[in-house]
Amino acid sequence: MGWQEIFTAISLVLLIEGLIPFISPNTYRIFIHKMSKLNDDNLRIVGLVSIILGLILLFLNNHN
């Protein structure tokens, strides 16, 4: 994987992450407020689930 692919991936993450607060800032604010109240263990579980889903999507995308 070259630098161009890495920058493309980072750009797509930023684009998707930016869409949510742009489309619905109040819902995003509520979501962030609720996330900030999670304890470390629950927050780690959310992160782990996100990582696993990302890996599954990458696997499915690269094997079609």
C-alpha atoms as a PDB file:
ATOM      1  CA  MET A   1       0.000   0.000   0.000  1.00  0.00           C
ATOM      2  CA  GLY A   2       1.398   3.342  -1.004  1.00  0.00           C
ATOM      3  CA  TRP A   3       1.017   6.801   0.456  1.00  0.00           C
ATOM      4  CA  GLN A   4      -1.761   7.664  -1.976  1.00  0.00           C
ATOM      5  CA  GLU A   5      -3.962   4.860  -0.644  1.00  0.00           C
ATOM      6  CA  ILE A   6      -3.250   5.853   2.956  1.00  0.00           C
ATOM      7  CA  PHE A   7      -4.177   9.471   2.275  1.00  0.00           C
ATOM      8  CA  THR A   8      -7.301   8.319   0.429  1.00  0.00           C
ATOM      9  CA  ALA A   9      -8.339   6.182   3.413  1.00  0.00           C
ATOM     10  CA  ILE A  10      -7.734   9.040   5.875  1.00  0.00           C
ATOM     11  CA  SER A  11      -9.657  11.419   3.612  1.00  0.00           C
ATOM     12  CA  LEU A  12     -12.631   9.064   3.483  1.00  0.00           C
ATOM     13  CA  VAL A  13     -12.638   8.677   7.277  1.00  0.00           C
ATOM     14  CA  LEU A  14     -12.619  12.458   7.713  1.00  0.00           C
ATOM     15  CA  LEU A  15     -15.363  12.873   5.126  1.00  0.00           C
ATOM     16  CA  ILE A  16     -17.643  10.314   6.788  1.00  0.00           C
ATOM     17  CA  GLU A  17     -16.854  11.588  10.298  1.00  0.00           C
ATOM     18  CA  GLY A  18     -17.662  15.130   9.180  1.00  0.00           C
ATOM     19  CA  LEU A  19     -20.977  14.248   7.551  1.00  0.00           C
ATOM     20  CA  ILE A  20     -22.645  13.224  10.793  1.00  0.00           C
ATOM     21  CA  PRO A  21     -22.261  16.534  12.702  1.00  0.00           C
ATOM     22  CA  PHE A  22     -22.938  18.483   9.491  1.00  0.00           C
ATOM     23  CA  ILE A  23     -26.237  16.727   8.789  1.00  0.00           C
ATOM     24  CA  SER A  24     -27.524  16.563  12.365  1.00  0.00           C
ATOM     25  CA  PRO A  25     -25.467  18.621  14.828  1.00  0.00           C
ATOM     26  CA  ASN A  26     -27.910  18.263  17.737  1.00  0.00           C
ATOM     27  CA  THR A  27     -28.105  14.464  17.446  1.00  0.00           C
ATOM     28  CA  TYR A  28     -24.306  14.350  17.178  1.00  0.00           C
ATOM     29  CA  ARG A  29     -23.959  16.502  20.303  1.00  0.00           C
ATOM     30  CA  ILE A  30     -26.290  14.193  22.241  1.00  0.00           C
ATOM     31  CA  PHE A  31     -24.368  11.142  21.014  1.00  0.00           C
ATOM     32  CA  ILE A  32     -21.008  12.624  22.038  1.00  0.00           C
ATOM     33  CA  HIS A  33     -22.420  13.592  25.435  1.00  0.00           C
ATOM     34  CA  LYS A  34     -23.652  10.019  26.023  1.00  0.00           C
ATOM     35  CA  MET A  35     -20.327   8.568  24.860  1.00  0.00           C
ATOM     36  CA  SER A  36     -18.433  10.809  27.269  1.00  0.00           C
ATOM     37  CA  LYS A  37     -20.381   9.298  30.163  1.00  0.00           C
ATOM     38  CA  LEU A  38     -19.361   5.705  29.340  1.00  0.00           C
ATOM     39  CA  ASN A  39     -16.752   4.135  31.584  1.00  0.00           C
ATOM     40  CA  ASP A  40     -13.440   3.054  30.080  1.00  0.00           C
ATOM     41  CA  ASP A  41     -14.399  -0.603  29.704  1.00  0.00           C
ATOM     42  CA  ASN A  42     -17.600   0.176  27.783  1.00  0.00           C
ATOM     43  CA  LEU A  43     -15.777   2.702  25.607  1.00  0.00           C
ATOM     44  CA  ARG A  44     -13.138   0.076  24.797  1.00  0.00           C
ATOM     45  CA  ILE A  45     -15.907  -2.354  23.795  1.00  0.00           C
ATOM     46  CA  VAL A  46     -17.372   0.276  21.450  1.00  0.00           C
ATOM     47  CA  GLY A  47     -13.900   0.774  19.953  1.00  0.00           C
ATOM     48  CA  LEU A  48     -13.363  -2.973  19.577  1.00  0.00           C
ATOM     49  CA  VAL A  49     -16.714  -3.431  17.838  1.00  0.00           C
ATOM     50  CA  SER A  50     -15.827  -0.565  15.496  1.00  0.00           C
ATOM     51  CA  ILE A  51     -12.459  -2.161  14.693  1.00  0.00           C
ATOM     52  CA  ILE A  52     -14.047  -5.569  14.042  1.00  0.00           C
ATOM     53  CA  LEU A  53     -16.717  -4.081  11.770  1.00  0.00           C
ATOM     54  CA  GLY A  54     -14.053  -2.158   9.871  1.00  0.00           C
ATOM     55  CA  LEU A  55     -11.964  -5.301   9.395  1.00  0.00           C
ATOM     56  CA  ILE A  56     -15.002  -7.258   8.197  1.00  0.00           C
ATOM     57  CA  LEU A  57     -15.866  -4.530   5.686  1.00  0.00           C
ATOM     58  CA  LEU A  58     -12.266  -4.418   4.434  1.00  0.00           C
ATOM     59  CA  PHE A  59     -12.217  -8.202   4.083  1.00  0.00           C
ATOM     60  CA  LEU A  60     -15.516  -8.261   2.183  1.00  0.00           C
ATOM     61  CA  ASN A  61     -14.442  -5.388  -0.049  1.00  0.00           C
ATOM     62  CA  ASN A  62     -11.110  -6.995  -0.940  1.00  0.00           C
ATOM     63  CA  HIS A  63     -12.512 -10.462  -1.642  1.00  0.00           C
ATOM     64  CA  ASN A  64     -15.289  -9.590  -4.101  1.00  0.00           C
END
